[in-house]
Amino acid sequence: MSHFTMRPALLAVLLCLALPAQAALFEKKPEKVAAEAAAANMAAVTLWVDASWGFRNQGAANDLTRAHNAFAAFGYKVASVEPYIENGDLQGFFVTYQKP
């Protein structure tokens, strides 16, 4: 087998190894963060909602809605939503929730 036909196979193996590690970085669900914040009786909490994966418009909106619903279930209200833009591209949002 030449090194040219081996490169795609090697790339596929490396991607398979790297993707689970990458996914683990964004694995903490807003429902879990909200439950942990409520259990710790935190007055406020800020979390990151990533907009760089998937569909930036609807995907980010869905993720924000999911986070808002998760925190509302524990009595938190949205205090601020700050977009983070890098090199002209929306990367995500820092969202702060506060208990009244």
C-alpha atoms as a PDB file:
ATOM      1  CA  MET A   1       0.000   0.000   0.000  1.00  0.00           C
ATOM      2  CA  SER A   2       1.431   3.374  -0.957  1.00  0.00           C
ATOM      3  CA  HIS A   3       1.629   6.209   1.518  1.00  0.00           C
ATOM      4  CA  PHE A   4      -1.009   8.108  -0.532  1.00  0.00           C
ATOM      5  CA  THR A   5      -3.709   5.487   0.044  1.00  0.00           C
ATOM      6  CA  MET A   6      -2.694   5.201   3.667  1.00  0.00           C
ATOM      7  CA  ARG A   7      -3.185   8.924   4.403  1.00  0.00           C
ATOM      8  CA  PRO A   8      -7.014   8.929   4.234  1.00  0.00           C
ATOM      9  CA  ALA A   9      -7.131   5.861   6.467  1.00  0.00           C
ATOM     10  CA  LEU A  10      -4.746   7.448   8.944  1.00  0.00           C
ATOM     11  CA  LEU A  11      -6.768  10.657   8.892  1.00  0.00           C
ATOM     12  CA  ALA A  12      -9.972   8.705   9.573  1.00  0.00           C
ATOM     13  CA  VAL A  13      -8.386   6.935  12.549  1.00  0.00           C
ATOM     14  CA  LEU A  14      -7.061  10.196  13.960  1.00  0.00           C
ATOM     15  CA  LEU A  15     -10.471  11.854  13.595  1.00  0.00           C
ATOM     16  CA  CYS A  16     -12.148   8.959  15.386  1.00  0.00           C
ATOM     17  CA  LEU A  17      -9.693   9.338  18.240  1.00  0.00           C
ATOM     18  CA  ALA A  18      -9.941  13.126  18.397  1.00  0.00           C
ATOM     19  CA  LEU A  19     -13.697  13.639  18.045  1.00  0.00           C
ATOM     20  CA  PRO A  20     -14.733  11.983  21.323  1.00  0.00           C
ATOM     21  CA  ALA A  21     -12.204  14.129  23.187  1.00  0.00           C
ATOM     22  CA  GLN A  22     -13.484  17.254  21.435  1.00  0.00           C
ATOM     23  CA  ALA A  23     -17.116  16.340  22.174  1.00  0.00           C
ATOM     24  CA  ALA A  24     -16.319  15.898  25.866  1.00  0.00           C
ATOM     25  CA  LEU A  25     -15.366  19.576  26.088  1.00  0.00           C
ATOM     26  CA  PHE A  26     -18.958  20.597  25.328  1.00  0.00           C
ATOM     27  CA  GLU A  27     -20.759  17.761  27.070  1.00  0.00           C
ATOM     28  CA  LYS A  28     -22.077  19.568  30.166  1.00  0.00           C
ATOM     29  CA  LYS A  29     -25.783  20.036  29.529  1.00  0.00           C
ATOM     30  CA  PRO A  30     -27.601  23.183  30.696  1.00  0.00           C
ATOM     31  CA  GLU A  31     -30.056  21.043  32.675  1.00  0.00           C
ATOM     32  CA  LYS A  32     -27.163  19.613  34.689  1.00  0.00           C
ATOM     33  CA  VAL A  33     -25.563  23.036  35.224  1.00  0.00           C
ATOM     34  CA  ALA A  34     -28.904  24.480  36.372  1.00  0.00           C
ATOM     35  CA  ALA A  35     -29.505  21.584  38.777  1.00  0.00           C
ATOM     36  CA  GLU A  36     -25.976  21.919  40.203  1.00  0.00           C
ATOM     37  CA  ALA A  37     -26.363  25.695  40.619  1.00  0.00           C
ATOM     38  CA  ALA A  38     -29.691  25.265  42.392  1.00  0.00           C
ATOM     39  CA  ALA A  39     -28.316  22.501  44.650  1.00  0.00           C
ATOM     40  CA  ALA A  40     -25.381  24.763  45.585  1.00  0.00           C
ATOM     41  CA  ASN A  41     -27.854  27.610  46.190  1.00  0.00           C
ATOM     42  CA  MET A  42     -25.901  29.888  43.847  1.00  0.00           C
ATOM     43  CA  ALA A  43     -27.343  33.384  43.479  1.00  0.00           C
ATOM     44  CA  ALA A  44     -26.003  33.682  39.921  1.00  0.00           C
ATOM     45  CA  VAL A  45     -24.252  31.539  37.353  1.00  0.00           C
ATOM     46  CA  THR A  46     -22.675  32.262  33.969  1.00  0.00           C
ATOM     47  CA  LEU A  47     -22.316  29.623  31.291  1.00  0.00           C
ATOM     48  CA  TRP A  48     -21.108  29.353  27.728  1.00  0.00           C
ATOM     49  CA  VAL A  49     -23.531  28.525  24.914  1.00  0.00           C
ATOM     50  CA  ASP A  50     -21.479  27.483  21.905  1.00  0.00           C
ATOM     51  CA  ALA A  51     -22.530  28.708  18.471  1.00  0.00           C
ATOM     52  CA  SER A  52     -19.541  27.420  16.513  1.00  0.00           C
ATOM     53  CA  TRP A  53     -20.900  23.881  15.956  1.00  0.00           C
ATOM     54  CA  GLY A  54     -23.828  23.089  13.702  1.00  0.00           C
ATOM     55  CA  PHE A  55     -26.235  25.701  12.422  1.00  0.00           C
ATOM     56  CA  ARG A  56     -25.189  29.043  13.898  1.00  0.00           C
ATOM     57  CA  ASN A  57     -28.548  30.762  13.629  1.00  0.00           C
ATOM     58  CA  GLN A  58     -31.145  28.193  14.617  1.00  0.00           C
ATOM     59  CA  GLY A  59     -28.733  25.932  16.507  1.00  0.00           C
ATOM     60  CA  ALA A  60     -27.601  28.742  18.795  1.00  0.00           C
ATOM     61  CA  ALA A  61     -31.199  29.909  19.266  1.00  0.00           C
ATOM     62  CA  ASN A  62     -32.274  26.383  20.191  1.00  0.00           C
ATOM     63  CA  ASP A  63     -29.372  26.045  22.629  1.00  0.00           C
ATOM     64  CA  LEU A  64     -30.192  29.394  24.247  1.00  0.00           C
ATOM     65  CA  THR A  65     -33.852  28.414  24.579  1.00  0.00           C
ATOM     66  CA  ARG A  66     -32.874  25.091  26.123  1.00  0.00           C
ATOM     67  CA  ALA A  67     -30.586  26.819  28.635  1.00  0.00           C
ATOM     68  CA  HIS A  68     -33.216  29.455  29.471  1.00  0.00           C
ATOM     69  CA  ASN A  69     -35.829  26.738  30.090  1.00  0.00           C
ATOM     70  CA  ALA A  70     -33.443  24.682  32.226  1.00  0.00           C
ATOM     71  CA  PHE A  71     -32.614  27.607  34.482  1.00  0.00           C
ATOM     72  CA  ALA A  72     -36.213  28.886  34.624  1.00  0.00           C
ATOM     73  CA  ALA A  73     -37.243  25.481  35.997  1.00  0.00           C
ATOM     74  CA  PHE A  74     -35.059  26.245  39.038  1.00  0.00           C
ATOM     75  CA  GLY A  75     -36.275  29.835  39.446  1.00  0.00           C
ATOM     76  CA  TYR A  76     -33.421  31.612  37.661  1.00  0.00           C
ATOM     77  CA  LYS A  77     -33.973  34.557  35.347  1.00  0.00           C
ATOM     78  CA  VAL A  78     -31.769  35.732  32.470  1.00  0.00           C
ATOM     79  CA  ALA A  79     -29.540  38.570  33.684  1.00  0.00           C
ATOM     80  CA  SER A  80     -27.495  39.012  30.501  1.00  0.00           C
ATOM     81  CA  VAL A  81     -26.634  37.420  27.174  1.00  0.00           C
ATOM     82  CA  GLU A  82     -23.299  38.566  25.745  1.00  0.00           C
ATOM     83  CA  PRO A  83     -22.268  37.404  22.270  1.00  0.00           C
ATOM     84  CA  TYR A  84     -18.627  36.520  21.727  1.00  0.00           C
ATOM     85  CA  ILE A  85     -17.354  37.319  18.237  1.00  0.00           C
ATOM     86  CA  GLU A  86     -13.885  36.370  17.061  1.00  0.00           C
ATOM     87  CA  ASN A  87     -12.506  37.458  13.684  1.00  0.00           C
ATOM     88  CA  GLY A  88     -15.996  38.546  12.642  1.00  0.00           C
ATOM     89  CA  ASP A  89     -17.533  35.136  13.400  1.00  0.00           C
ATOM     90  CA  LEU A  90     -20.046  34.447  16.140  1.00  0.00           C
ATOM     91  CA  GLN A  91     -18.493  31.864  18.463  1.00  0.00           C
ATOM     92  CA  GLY A  92     -21.150  31.728  21.158  1.00  0.00           C
ATOM     93  CA  PHE A  93     -22.721  33.495  24.099  1.00  0.00           C
ATOM     94  CA  PHE A  94     -21.875  34.066  27.738  1.00  0.00           C
ATOM     95  CA  VAL A  95     -25.228  33.800  29.501  1.00  0.00           C
ATOM     96  CA  THR A  96     -25.719  34.863  33.118  1.00  0.00           C
ATOM     97  CA  TYR A  97     -28.686  33.663  35.142  1.00  0.00           C
ATOM     98  CA  GLN A  98     -29.676  35.107  38.481  1.00  0.00           C
ATOM     99  CA  LYS A  99     -32.095  34.139  41.206  1.00  0.00           C
ATOM    100  CA  PRO A 100     -34.403  37.025  42.093  1.00  0.00           C
END
